[in-house]
Amino acid sequence: MTKELICISCPIGCHLEVTQKGDEITVRNNKCSRGEIYGKEELLAPKRVVTATCPVKSDLMLRIPVKTTEAIPVELINRLLEELYKREVSAPVRRGDIILENFMDSGIDVVSTKTLSG
């Protein structure tokens, strides 16, 4: 099986060719070592950093922007979004405050990306 991917590990955006034959995975057309790591991970266990918004109790805003502290497996994204959309945060909130801790025992937190006074 061969997949063509665009690497998102650095600004170059290499057009990778990732081939899997049995247990062996080869990555071609990468210009740095991060491309090889990305290609293999994308084929075996794809992950993404998630950005979203949460409802916030405030007179200034209805929702506050949040993001995961690391990339999470793509199969957890829908459950994460469901949890974030129903969770209500109370102001004040500082950028970097943990909104959701250790999501599904992944070790990954969701943090605020904006400071909002009361």
C-alpha atoms as a PDB file:
ATOM      1  CA  MET A   1       0.000   0.000   0.000  1.00  0.00           C
ATOM      2  CA  THR A   2       1.322   3.450  -0.930  1.00  0.00           C
ATOM      3  CA  LYS A   3      -0.028   6.804   0.279  1.00  0.00           C
ATOM      4  CA  GLU A   4       0.910  10.273  -0.856  1.00  0.00           C
ATOM      5  CA  LEU A   5       0.972  12.811   1.978  1.00  0.00           C
ATOM      6  CA  ILE A   6       2.015  16.397   2.468  1.00  0.00           C
ATOM      7  CA  CYS A   7       4.210  16.631   5.538  1.00  0.00           C
ATOM      8  CA  ILE A   8       3.080  19.198   8.111  1.00  0.00           C
ATOM      9  CA  SER A   9       6.053  18.827  10.468  1.00  0.00           C
ATOM     10  CA  CYS A  10       7.856  21.904   9.168  1.00  0.00           C
ATOM     11  CA  PRO A  11       7.212  24.781   6.737  1.00  0.00           C
ATOM     12  CA  ILE A  12       8.721  22.982   3.721  1.00  0.00           C
ATOM     13  CA  GLY A  13       5.635  20.793   3.153  1.00  0.00           C
ATOM     14  CA  CYS A  14       7.349  17.863   1.444  1.00  0.00           C
ATOM     15  CA  HIS A  15       5.218  15.631  -0.778  1.00  0.00           C
ATOM     16  CA  LEU A  16       5.856  12.284   0.849  1.00  0.00           C
ATOM     17  CA  GLU A  17       5.384   8.841  -0.612  1.00  0.00           C
ATOM     18  CA  VAL A  18       4.783   6.384   2.220  1.00  0.00           C
ATOM     19  CA  THR A  19       4.799   2.687   1.380  1.00  0.00           C
ATOM     20  CA  GLN A  20       3.959  -0.212   3.648  1.00  0.00           C
ATOM     21  CA  LYS A  21       4.913  -3.761   2.741  1.00  0.00           C
ATOM     22  CA  GLY A  22       4.195  -6.098   5.626  1.00  0.00           C
ATOM     23  CA  ASP A  23       5.809  -4.619   8.737  1.00  0.00           C
ATOM     24  CA  GLU A  24       8.205  -2.433   6.733  1.00  0.00           C
ATOM     25  CA  ILE A  25       7.346   1.219   6.113  1.00  0.00           C
ATOM     26  CA  THR A  26       9.437   3.396   3.815  1.00  0.00           C
ATOM     27  CA  VAL A  27       9.141   7.148   3.385  1.00  0.00           C
ATOM     28  CA  ARG A  28      10.444   8.902   0.275  1.00  0.00           C
ATOM     29  CA  ASN A  29      10.784  12.540  -0.806  1.00  0.00           C
ATOM     30  CA  ASN A  30      11.297  13.905   2.729  1.00  0.00           C
ATOM     31  CA  LYS A  31      13.902  16.643   3.057  1.00  0.00           C
ATOM     32  CA  CYS A  32      14.402  16.197   6.818  1.00  0.00           C
ATOM     33  CA  SER A  33      14.163  13.459   9.430  1.00  0.00           C
ATOM     34  CA  ARG A  34      10.872  14.869  10.727  1.00  0.00           C
ATOM     35  CA  GLY A  35       9.240  13.901   7.442  1.00  0.00           C
ATOM     36  CA  GLU A  36      10.107  10.251   7.939  1.00  0.00           C
ATOM     37  CA  ILE A  37       8.699  10.287  11.466  1.00  0.00           C
ATOM     38  CA  TYR A  38       5.546  12.096  10.319  1.00  0.00           C
ATOM     39  CA  GLY A  39       4.975   9.716   7.384  1.00  0.00           C
ATOM     40  CA  LYS A  40       5.253   6.597   9.528  1.00  0.00           C
ATOM     41  CA  GLU A  41       3.092   8.021  12.317  1.00  0.00           C
ATOM     42  CA  GLU A  42       0.445   9.235   9.878  1.00  0.00           C
ATOM     43  CA  LEU A  43       0.171   5.763   8.391  1.00  0.00           C
ATOM     44  CA  LEU A  44       0.116   3.862  11.704  1.00  0.00           C
ATOM     45  CA  ALA A  45      -1.495   6.204  14.252  1.00  0.00           C
ATOM     46  CA  PRO A  46      -2.477   9.654  12.956  1.00  0.00           C
ATOM     47  CA  LYS A  47      -2.722  12.488  15.491  1.00  0.00           C
ATOM     48  CA  ARG A  48      -3.813  16.131  15.408  1.00  0.00           C
ATOM     49  CA  VAL A  49      -3.641  19.200  17.616  1.00  0.00           C
ATOM     50  CA  VAL A  50      -7.245  20.274  18.159  1.00  0.00           C
ATOM     51  CA  THR A  51      -8.386  23.891  18.366  1.00  0.00           C
ATOM     52  CA  ALA A  52     -11.952  24.675  19.369  1.00  0.00           C
ATOM     53  CA  THR A  53     -14.070  26.952  21.569  1.00  0.00           C
ATOM     54  CA  CYS A  54     -15.886  26.429  24.878  1.00  0.00           C
ATOM     55  CA  PRO A  55     -18.888  28.280  26.216  1.00  0.00           C
ATOM     56  CA  VAL A  56     -17.834  30.864  28.811  1.00  0.00           C
ATOM     57  CA  LYS A  57     -19.816  32.673  31.504  1.00  0.00           C
ATOM     58  CA  SER A  58     -18.872  36.277  30.781  1.00  0.00           C
ATOM     59  CA  ASP A  59     -20.430  39.556  29.720  1.00  0.00           C
ATOM     60  CA  LEU A  60     -17.612  40.063  27.212  1.00  0.00           C
ATOM     61  CA  MET A  61     -17.685  36.825  25.189  1.00  0.00           C
ATOM     62  CA  LEU A  62     -19.915  33.813  24.586  1.00  0.00           C
ATOM     63  CA  ARG A  63     -17.094  31.364  23.805  1.00  0.00           C
ATOM     64  CA  ILE A  64     -13.380  31.165  24.592  1.00  0.00           C
ATOM     65  CA  PRO A  65     -10.743  29.603  22.293  1.00  0.00           C
ATOM     66  CA  VAL A  66      -8.956  26.469  23.503  1.00  0.00           C
ATOM     67  CA  LYS A  67      -6.470  23.920  22.173  1.00  0.00           C
ATOM     68  CA  THR A  68      -4.881  20.623  23.095  1.00  0.00           C
ATOM     69  CA  THR A  69      -1.388  20.782  24.592  1.00  0.00           C
ATOM     70  CA  GLU A  70      -0.253  18.019  22.211  1.00  0.00           C
ATOM     71  CA  ALA A  71      -1.597  16.115  19.248  1.00  0.00           C
ATOM     72  CA  ILE A  72      -4.225  13.506  20.124  1.00  0.00           C
ATOM     73  CA  PRO A  73      -5.221  10.386  18.186  1.00  0.00           C
ATOM     74  CA  VAL A  74      -7.754  11.254  15.497  1.00  0.00           C
ATOM     75  CA  GLU A  75     -10.203   8.657  16.823  1.00  0.00           C
ATOM     76  CA  LEU A  76     -10.574  10.734  20.031  1.00  0.00           C
ATOM     77  CA  ILE A  77     -11.300  14.063  18.325  1.00  0.00           C
ATOM     78  CA  ASN A  78     -15.103  13.752  18.110  1.00  0.00           C
ATOM     79  CA  ARG A  79     -15.391  12.763  21.777  1.00  0.00           C
ATOM     80  CA  LEU A  80     -13.109  15.629  22.753  1.00  0.00           C
ATOM     81  CA  LEU A  81     -15.187  18.163  20.814  1.00  0.00           C
ATOM     82  CA  GLU A  82     -18.421  16.849  22.341  1.00  0.00           C
ATOM     83  CA  GLU A  83     -16.938  17.291  25.811  1.00  0.00           C
ATOM     84  CA  LEU A  84     -15.627  20.788  25.058  1.00  0.00           C
ATOM     85  CA  TYR A  85     -18.880  22.049  23.550  1.00  0.00           C
ATOM     86  CA  LYS A  86     -20.925  21.053  26.614  1.00  0.00           C
ATOM     87  CA  ARG A  87     -18.368  22.253  29.214  1.00  0.00           C
ATOM     88  CA  GLU A  88     -18.945  25.797  30.447  1.00  0.00           C
ATOM     89  CA  VAL A  89     -16.009  27.825  31.731  1.00  0.00           C
ATOM     90  CA  SER A  90     -16.381  30.680  34.212  1.00  0.00           C
ATOM     91  CA  ALA A  91     -14.475  33.929  33.766  1.00  0.00           C
ATOM     92  CA  PRO A  92     -11.886  35.052  34.652  1.00  0.00           C
ATOM     93  CA  VAL A  93      -9.740  32.779  32.512  1.00  0.00           C
ATOM     94  CA  ARG A  94      -6.029  33.213  31.797  1.00  0.00           C
ATOM     95  CA  ARG A  95      -4.248  32.031  28.701  1.00  0.00           C
ATOM     96  CA  GLY A  96      -2.787  28.626  29.540  1.00  0.00           C
ATOM     97  CA  ASP A  97      -5.401  27.730  32.165  1.00  0.00           C
ATOM     98  CA  ILE A  98      -6.343  24.059  31.968  1.00  0.00           C
ATOM     99  CA  ILE A  99      -9.920  23.715  30.753  1.00  0.00           C
ATOM    100  CA  LEU A 100      -9.939  19.907  30.519  1.00  0.00           C
ATOM    101  CA  GLU A 101      -7.269  17.837  32.244  1.00  0.00           C
ATOM    102  CA  ASN A 102      -5.856  14.499  31.026  1.00  0.00           C
ATOM    103  CA  PHE A 103      -8.561  13.847  28.442  1.00  0.00           C
ATOM    104  CA  MET A 104      -9.502  10.158  28.510  1.00  0.00           C
ATOM    105  CA  ASP A 105      -6.264   9.292  30.364  1.00  0.00           C
ATOM    106  CA  SER A 106      -4.250  10.401  27.325  1.00  0.00           C
ATOM    107  CA  GLY A 107      -2.016  12.698  29.371  1.00  0.00           C
ATOM    108  CA  ILE A 108      -3.127  15.555  27.132  1.00  0.00           C
ATOM    109  CA  ASP A 109      -4.781  18.675  28.503  1.00  0.00           C
ATOM    110  CA  VAL A 110      -6.926  21.314  26.819  1.00  0.00           C
ATOM    111  CA  VAL A 111      -5.918  24.884  27.668  1.00  0.00           C
ATOM    112  CA  SER A 112      -7.321  28.345  27.088  1.00  0.00           C
ATOM    113  CA  THR A 113      -5.559  30.348  24.374  1.00  0.00           C
ATOM    114  CA  LYS A 114      -6.988  33.698  25.482  1.00  0.00           C
ATOM    115  CA  THR A 115      -7.083  35.698  28.686  1.00  0.00           C
ATOM    116  CA  LEU A 116     -10.535  36.911  29.643  1.00  0.00           C
ATOM    117  CA  SER A 117     -11.194  39.088  32.669  1.00  0.00           C
ATOM    118  CA  GLY A 118     -14.339  38.560  34.752  1.00  0.00           C
END
